[in-house]
C-alpha cells in the first residue's frame, strides 16, 4: 500500500502490489512473524543482478522513490531482517511528503488489529525522530518462545528521514521511513 501522498513509480517485477489484510490478522497477511515465503506472498519481492535487491537482501512491496533513495528506487519494505526463517524487522519506506498520520496508519495496517501504543515520544537527541513502541497479544503468540523470543509482542518503531547531510530528521509532514523491530525503544534511547 503506497502512502496517500503520491503514486508509486512502478510495481515489483515479481508480484502484484500488496493490499493490507481486511479480515482477522494472521502472519500469512505479511506482518512480523511471517516466514519469508508468507511475506513474499503478501507483498511481492524483487531481486536480481544489477538490482539494489539481491537474493540475500530481497526487497518487498511496491517500488518507490523518495528523497532518501535519491534517483534510485527503493521498496516499501527494505531491508528486511530474518531470524530463523521468520521476519523479525524491516524498514518501511514512504513517498516524500508522507505525513506522520499517514505513516502511522500505513504501519498499523500491516500489524495485527489488537496492536496498541505503549510509548510515543519525539526525540531531539542526535537528530530528531519519533520513538514509538506498540504491543500486540497476537504478535506475542506469533513471536514468543521459541520463534523469536518476544513473548510480550512488543515492537519498537522509529520514524523520520535522513537528509542530504546524513542527519536523522523528524518532520510531521515528511516521514520517509520507519524502522520496525522486535526490540522496543527505551525511554532513554535517542535518534
C-alpha atoms as a PDB file:
ATOM      1  CA  UNK A   1       0.000   0.000   0.000  1.00  0.00           C
ATOM      2  CA  UNK A   2       1.586   3.274  -1.017  1.00  0.00           C
ATOM      3  CA  UNK A   3       1.197   6.286   1.179  1.00  0.00           C
ATOM      4  CA  UNK A   4      -1.572   8.551   0.063  1.00  0.00           C
ATOM      5  CA  UNK A   5       0.783  11.393  -0.828  1.00  0.00           C
ATOM      6  CA  UNK A   6       1.705  10.102  -4.289  1.00  0.00           C
ATOM      7  CA  UNK A   7       1.652   7.144  -6.606  1.00  0.00           C
ATOM      8  CA  UNK A   8       4.496   4.601  -6.739  1.00  0.00           C
ATOM      9  CA  UNK A   9       6.761   4.703  -9.765  1.00  0.00           C
ATOM     10  CA  UNK A  10       6.399   1.021 -10.619  1.00  0.00           C
ATOM     11  CA  UNK A  11       5.201  -2.273  -9.195  1.00  0.00           C
ATOM     12  CA  UNK A  12       7.605  -5.029  -8.130  1.00  0.00           C
ATOM     13  CA  UNK A  13       8.680  -7.180 -11.015  1.00  0.00           C
ATOM     14  CA  UNK A  14       7.711 -10.467  -9.405  1.00  0.00           C
ATOM     15  CA  UNK A  15       4.320  -9.893  -7.749  1.00  0.00           C
ATOM     16  CA  UNK A  16       1.269  -7.664  -7.670  1.00  0.00           C
ATOM     17  CA  UNK A  17       1.004  -4.656  -5.385  1.00  0.00           C
ATOM     18  CA  UNK A  18       0.252  -5.771  -1.846  1.00  0.00           C
ATOM     19  CA  UNK A  19      -3.010  -4.924  -0.118  1.00  0.00           C
ATOM     20  CA  UNK A  20      -3.324  -4.872   3.690  1.00  0.00           C
ATOM     21  CA  UNK A  21      -5.388  -7.629   5.282  1.00  0.00           C
ATOM     22  CA  UNK A  22      -9.086  -6.938   5.751  1.00  0.00           C
ATOM     23  CA  UNK A  23     -10.056  -9.882   7.955  1.00  0.00           C
ATOM     24  CA  UNK A  24      -8.716 -11.223  11.253  1.00  0.00           C
ATOM     25  CA  UNK A  25      -4.921 -10.971  11.120  1.00  0.00           C
ATOM     26  CA  UNK A  26      -2.663 -13.963  10.550  1.00  0.00           C
ATOM     27  CA  UNK A  27       1.089 -13.997   9.980  1.00  0.00           C
ATOM     28  CA  UNK A  28       0.310 -15.037   6.430  1.00  0.00           C
ATOM     29  CA  UNK A  29      -1.058 -11.487   6.000  1.00  0.00           C
ATOM     30  CA  UNK A  30       2.570 -10.384   5.799  1.00  0.00           C
ATOM     31  CA  UNK A  31       3.424  -8.772   9.123  1.00  0.00           C
ATOM     32  CA  UNK A  32       6.271  -9.513  11.537  1.00  0.00           C
ATOM     33  CA  UNK A  33       6.388 -13.171  12.448  1.00  0.00           C
ATOM     34  CA  UNK A  34       5.657 -14.293   8.890  1.00  0.00           C
ATOM     35  CA  UNK A  35       8.005 -16.641   7.122  1.00  0.00           C
ATOM     36  CA  UNK A  36       9.888 -15.174   4.174  1.00  0.00           C
ATOM     37  CA  UNK A  37       7.547 -17.094   1.845  1.00  0.00           C
ATOM     38  CA  UNK A  38       4.450 -15.635   3.576  1.00  0.00           C
ATOM     39  CA  UNK A  39       5.933 -12.129   3.490  1.00  0.00           C
ATOM     40  CA  UNK A  40       6.754 -12.545  -0.217  1.00  0.00           C
ATOM     41  CA  UNK A  41       3.245 -13.841  -0.965  1.00  0.00           C
ATOM     42  CA  UNK A  42       1.680 -10.839   0.803  1.00  0.00           C
ATOM     43  CA  UNK A  43       3.975  -8.115  -0.532  1.00  0.00           C
ATOM     44  CA  UNK A  44       5.760  -9.438  -3.600  1.00  0.00           C
ATOM     45  CA  UNK A  45       9.548  -9.433  -3.856  1.00  0.00           C
ATOM     46  CA  UNK A  46      12.218  -8.174  -6.202  1.00  0.00           C
ATOM     47  CA  UNK A  47      15.824  -9.257  -6.581  1.00  0.00           C
ATOM     48  CA  UNK A  48      18.288  -9.944  -9.315  1.00  0.00           C
ATOM     49  CA  UNK A  49      21.529  -8.946 -10.981  1.00  0.00           C
ATOM     50  CA  UNK A  50      22.082  -5.201 -11.106  1.00  0.00           C
ATOM     51  CA  UNK A  51      19.174  -4.500  -8.762  1.00  0.00           C
ATOM     52  CA  UNK A  52      19.501  -2.944  -5.320  1.00  0.00           C
ATOM     53  CA  UNK A  53      17.807  -6.104  -4.103  1.00  0.00           C
ATOM     54  CA  UNK A  54      19.757  -9.345  -4.138  1.00  0.00           C
ATOM     55  CA  UNK A  55      18.945 -12.914  -3.227  1.00  0.00           C
ATOM     56  CA  UNK A  56      20.441 -12.174   0.204  1.00  0.00           C
ATOM     57  CA  UNK A  57      18.767  -8.763   0.612  1.00  0.00           C
ATOM     58  CA  UNK A  58      15.366  -9.129  -1.019  1.00  0.00           C
ATOM     59  CA  UNK A  59      13.082  -6.120  -1.316  1.00  0.00           C
ATOM     60  CA  UNK A  60       9.360  -6.465  -0.769  1.00  0.00           C
ATOM     61  CA  UNK A  61       6.322  -4.430  -1.766  1.00  0.00           C
ATOM     62  CA  UNK A  62       5.920  -1.621  -4.233  1.00  0.00           C
ATOM     63  CA  UNK A  63       8.822   0.271  -5.770  1.00  0.00           C
ATOM     64  CA  UNK A  64       9.005   3.966  -4.878  1.00  0.00           C
ATOM     65  CA  UNK A  65      11.407   6.897  -4.957  1.00  0.00           C
ATOM     66  CA  UNK A  66      11.840   9.271  -2.033  1.00  0.00           C
ATOM     67  CA  UNK A  67      14.460  11.857  -1.089  1.00  0.00           C
ATOM     68  CA  UNK A  68      16.378   9.245   0.935  1.00  0.00           C
ATOM     69  CA  UNK A  69      16.751   6.896  -2.029  1.00  0.00           C
ATOM     70  CA  UNK A  70      17.803   9.676  -4.389  1.00  0.00           C
ATOM     71  CA  UNK A  71      17.154   8.965  -8.047  1.00  0.00           C
ATOM     72  CA  UNK A  72      17.313   5.185  -7.493  1.00  0.00           C
ATOM     73  CA  UNK A  73      14.130   3.414  -6.451  1.00  0.00           C
ATOM     74  CA  UNK A  74      13.669   1.783  -3.086  1.00  0.00           C
ATOM     75  CA  UNK A  75      10.894  -0.544  -1.989  1.00  0.00           C
ATOM     76  CA  UNK A  76       8.096  -0.389   0.538  1.00  0.00           C
ATOM     77  CA  UNK A  77       9.832  -2.984   2.760  1.00  0.00           C
ATOM     78  CA  UNK A  78      13.631  -2.861   2.503  1.00  0.00           C
ATOM     79  CA  UNK A  79      15.759  -4.004   4.187  1.00  0.00           C
ATOM     80  CA  UNK A  80      14.032  -6.899   5.955  1.00  0.00           C
ATOM     81  CA  UNK A  81      15.553  -8.766   8.945  1.00  0.00           C
ATOM     82  CA  UNK A  82      15.004 -12.503   9.200  1.00  0.00           C
ATOM     83  CA  UNK A  83      15.716 -14.669  12.270  1.00  0.00           C
ATOM     84  CA  UNK A  84      15.284 -18.416  11.980  1.00  0.00           C
ATOM     85  CA  UNK A  85      13.304 -18.019   8.761  1.00  0.00           C
ATOM     86  CA  UNK A  86      10.862 -15.556  10.390  1.00  0.00           C
ATOM     87  CA  UNK A  87      10.595 -11.845   9.547  1.00  0.00           C
ATOM     88  CA  UNK A  88      11.718 -10.049  12.723  1.00  0.00           C
ATOM     89  CA  UNK A  89      12.022  -6.472  11.482  1.00  0.00           C
ATOM     90  CA  UNK A  90      12.062  -4.197   8.476  1.00  0.00           C
ATOM     91  CA  UNK A  91      12.359  -0.669   7.256  1.00  0.00           C
ATOM     92  CA  UNK A  92       9.090   0.542   5.802  1.00  0.00           C
ATOM     93  CA  UNK A  93       9.671   3.261   3.218  1.00  0.00           C
ATOM     94  CA  UNK A  94       7.250   6.031   2.249  1.00  0.00           C
ATOM     95  CA  UNK A  95       6.960   8.583  -0.528  1.00  0.00           C
ATOM     96  CA  UNK A  96       8.466  12.002   0.158  1.00  0.00           C
ATOM     97  CA  UNK A  97       5.860  14.182   1.887  1.00  0.00           C
ATOM     98  CA  UNK A  98       4.087  11.395   3.774  1.00  0.00           C
ATOM     99  CA  UNK A  99       2.553  12.841   6.945  1.00  0.00           C
ATOM    100  CA  UNK A 100       3.083  11.263  10.347  1.00  0.00           C
ATOM    101  CA  UNK A 101      -0.632  10.391  10.487  1.00  0.00           C
ATOM    102  CA  UNK A 102      -0.463   8.589   7.128  1.00  0.00           C
ATOM    103  CA  UNK A 103       2.791   6.808   8.036  1.00  0.00           C
ATOM    104  CA  UNK A 104       1.345   5.572  11.345  1.00  0.00           C
ATOM    105  CA  UNK A 105      -1.859   4.419   9.630  1.00  0.00           C
ATOM    106  CA  UNK A 106       0.127   2.528   6.990  1.00  0.00           C
ATOM    107  CA  UNK A 107       2.334   0.868   9.618  1.00  0.00           C
ATOM    108  CA  UNK A 108      -0.711  -0.179  11.641  1.00  0.00           C
ATOM    109  CA  UNK A 109      -2.427  -1.526   8.512  1.00  0.00           C
ATOM    110  CA  UNK A 110       0.322  -4.185   8.351  1.00  0.00           C
ATOM    111  CA  UNK A 111       0.143  -5.115  12.046  1.00  0.00           C
ATOM    112  CA  UNK A 112      -2.481  -7.166  13.876  1.00  0.00           C
ATOM    113  CA  UNK A 113      -5.663  -5.312  14.784  1.00  0.00           C
ATOM    114  CA  UNK A 114      -5.007  -5.742  18.519  1.00  0.00           C
ATOM    115  CA  UNK A 115      -1.872  -3.543  18.343  1.00  0.00           C
ATOM    116  CA  UNK A 116      -1.820  -0.706  20.903  1.00  0.00           C
ATOM    117  CA  UNK A 117       0.648   2.079  21.684  1.00  0.00           C
ATOM    118  CA  UNK A 118       2.744   1.694  24.846  1.00  0.00           C
ATOM    119  CA  UNK A 119       5.177   4.604  24.326  1.00  0.00           C
ATOM    120  CA  UNK A 120       5.354   7.570  21.944  1.00  0.00           C
ATOM    121  CA  UNK A 121       7.865  10.420  22.038  1.00  0.00           C
ATOM    122  CA  UNK A 122       9.574  12.856  19.692  1.00  0.00           C
ATOM    123  CA  UNK A 123      13.286  12.734  20.458  1.00  0.00           C
ATOM    124  CA  UNK A 124      15.742  15.544  19.671  1.00  0.00           C
ATOM    125  CA  UNK A 125      18.986  13.843  20.731  1.00  0.00           C
ATOM    126  CA  UNK A 126      21.446  13.052  17.906  1.00  0.00           C
ATOM    127  CA  UNK A 127      18.970  14.365  15.354  1.00  0.00           C
ATOM    128  CA  UNK A 128      15.222  14.078  15.710  1.00  0.00           C
ATOM    129  CA  UNK A 129      12.773  11.234  15.227  1.00  0.00           C
ATOM    130  CA  UNK A 130       9.668   9.624  16.669  1.00  0.00           C
ATOM    131  CA  UNK A 131      10.226   6.719  19.047  1.00  0.00           C
ATOM    132  CA  UNK A 132       7.048   4.629  19.136  1.00  0.00           C
ATOM    133  CA  UNK A 133       6.502   1.311  20.899  1.00  0.00           C
ATOM    134  CA  UNK A 134       3.497  -0.904  20.288  1.00  0.00           C
ATOM    135  CA  UNK A 135       2.264  -4.181  21.770  1.00  0.00           C
ATOM    136  CA  UNK A 136       0.100  -6.910  20.313  1.00  0.00           C
ATOM    137  CA  UNK A 137      -1.174 -10.098  22.008  1.00  0.00           C
ATOM    138  CA  UNK A 138      -1.328 -11.653  18.524  1.00  0.00           C
ATOM    139  CA  UNK A 139       2.357 -10.869  17.970  1.00  0.00           C
ATOM    140  CA  UNK A 140       3.145 -12.211  21.455  1.00  0.00           C
ATOM    141  CA  UNK A 141       1.760 -15.577  20.346  1.00  0.00           C
ATOM    142  CA  UNK A 142       3.475 -15.414  16.954  1.00  0.00           C
ATOM    143  CA  UNK A 143       6.864 -14.105  18.123  1.00  0.00           C
ATOM    144  CA  UNK A 144       7.120 -15.715  21.562  1.00  0.00           C
ATOM    145  CA  UNK A 145       9.364 -18.586  22.533  1.00  0.00           C
ATOM    146  CA  UNK A 146      10.775 -20.337  20.592  1.00  0.00           C
ATOM    147  CA  UNK A 147      10.038 -18.320  17.431  1.00  0.00           C
ATOM    148  CA  UNK A 148      11.933 -15.097  18.142  1.00  0.00           C
ATOM    149  CA  UNK A 149      11.663 -14.737  21.899  1.00  0.00           C
ATOM    150  CA  UNK A 150       9.270 -11.767  22.084  1.00  0.00           C
ATOM    151  CA  UNK A 151       6.602 -13.163  24.453  1.00  0.00           C
ATOM    152  CA  UNK A 152       5.133  -9.672  25.088  1.00  0.00           C
ATOM    153  CA  UNK A 153       4.601  -8.883  21.409  1.00  0.00           C
ATOM    154  CA  UNK A 154       6.464  -5.581  21.782  1.00  0.00           C
ATOM    155  CA  UNK A 155       7.794  -3.704  18.768  1.00  0.00           C
ATOM    156  CA  UNK A 156       9.972  -0.621  18.538  1.00  0.00           C
ATOM    157  CA  UNK A 157       9.300   1.789  15.677  1.00  0.00           C
ATOM    158  CA  UNK A 158      11.466   4.780  14.756  1.00  0.00           C
ATOM    159  CA  UNK A 159      10.081   7.275  12.213  1.00  0.00           C
ATOM    160  CA  UNK A 160      11.797  10.096  10.326  1.00  0.00           C
ATOM    161  CA  UNK A 161      14.045  10.613   7.339  1.00  0.00           C
ATOM    162  CA  UNK A 162      17.744  11.034   6.608  1.00  0.00           C
ATOM    163  CA  UNK A 163      18.580  14.366   4.973  1.00  0.00           C
ATOM    164  CA  UNK A 164      21.303  15.139   2.398  1.00  0.00           C
ATOM    165  CA  UNK A 165      23.796  15.741   5.242  1.00  0.00           C
ATOM    166  CA  UNK A 166      23.010  12.274   6.699  1.00  0.00           C
ATOM    167  CA  UNK A 167      21.183  13.763   9.683  1.00  0.00           C
ATOM    168  CA  UNK A 168      18.178  11.940  11.100  1.00  0.00           C
ATOM    169  CA  UNK A 169      15.235  14.345  10.961  1.00  0.00           C
ATOM    170  CA  UNK A 170      11.637  14.233  12.125  1.00  0.00           C
ATOM    171  CA  UNK A 171       9.203  16.377  10.172  1.00  0.00           C
ATOM    172  CA  UNK A 172       5.499  15.580  10.735  1.00  0.00           C
ATOM    173  CA  UNK A 173       4.855  16.407   7.065  1.00  0.00           C
ATOM    174  CA  UNK A 174       7.728  14.374   5.606  1.00  0.00           C
ATOM    175  CA  UNK A 175       8.190  10.894   7.093  1.00  0.00           C
ATOM    176  CA  UNK A 176      10.185   8.774   4.627  1.00  0.00           C
ATOM    177  CA  UNK A 177      10.905   5.626   6.627  1.00  0.00           C
ATOM    178  CA  UNK A 178      10.038   3.676   9.738  1.00  0.00           C
ATOM    179  CA  UNK A 179      12.391   1.105  11.232  1.00  0.00           C
ATOM    180  CA  UNK A 180      10.300  -1.618  12.879  1.00  0.00           C
ATOM    181  CA  UNK A 181      11.802  -4.351  15.052  1.00  0.00           C
ATOM    182  CA  UNK A 182      11.081  -6.699  17.926  1.00  0.00           C
ATOM    183  CA  UNK A 183      13.330  -4.551  20.122  1.00  0.00           C
ATOM    184  CA  UNK A 184      11.199  -1.825  21.727  1.00  0.00           C
ATOM    185  CA  UNK A 185      12.714   1.633  22.209  1.00  0.00           C
ATOM    186  CA  UNK A 186      13.761   2.540  25.753  1.00  0.00           C
ATOM    187  CA  UNK A 187      12.776   5.950  27.070  1.00  0.00           C
ATOM    188  CA  UNK A 188      16.500   6.727  27.196  1.00  0.00           C
ATOM    189  CA  UNK A 189      17.062   5.837  23.504  1.00  0.00           C
ATOM    190  CA  UNK A 190      17.864   8.572  21.014  1.00  0.00           C
ATOM    191  CA  UNK A 191      17.761   9.003  17.285  1.00  0.00           C
END
